[in-house]
């Protein structure tokens, strides 16, 4: 079983940048796909990006493609979400999640239903 802890969220002005971190413990992320999700007040949880940790294959939602970049640091068992050109509509609680894909044909998914392990979330607020 893996435990996830997010950090890096804060208040930032429109057009600014943030890097979120998702640090895993308990098991190597090489067995997992890791996704970033966000949820704004009154809205459903939305998949933003995901990465298959073992080979780095990534996927992005249309709403963030070209602005956000997901990456991993194998030495630190950590996944990052670099967010550039932030917009007020990016304001949300951001969660990372892990899906154990070892022995399956799955890769990273933007569907929250496929993920079993979740962090506690970190608040990102984009406002002037």
Foldseek 3Di string as FASTA:
>chain_A
DKAWAKDWADEAAAQAKTKMKIFIDDDALLQKKKWKWWDDPPDDIWTAKIANQNPGDMDGDPVQPPFWDWDDDRVRSMIMIIGGRDDQVVWGWMKMFIARQVPHPDTIDGDPVRTDYIYPTDTHGYHD
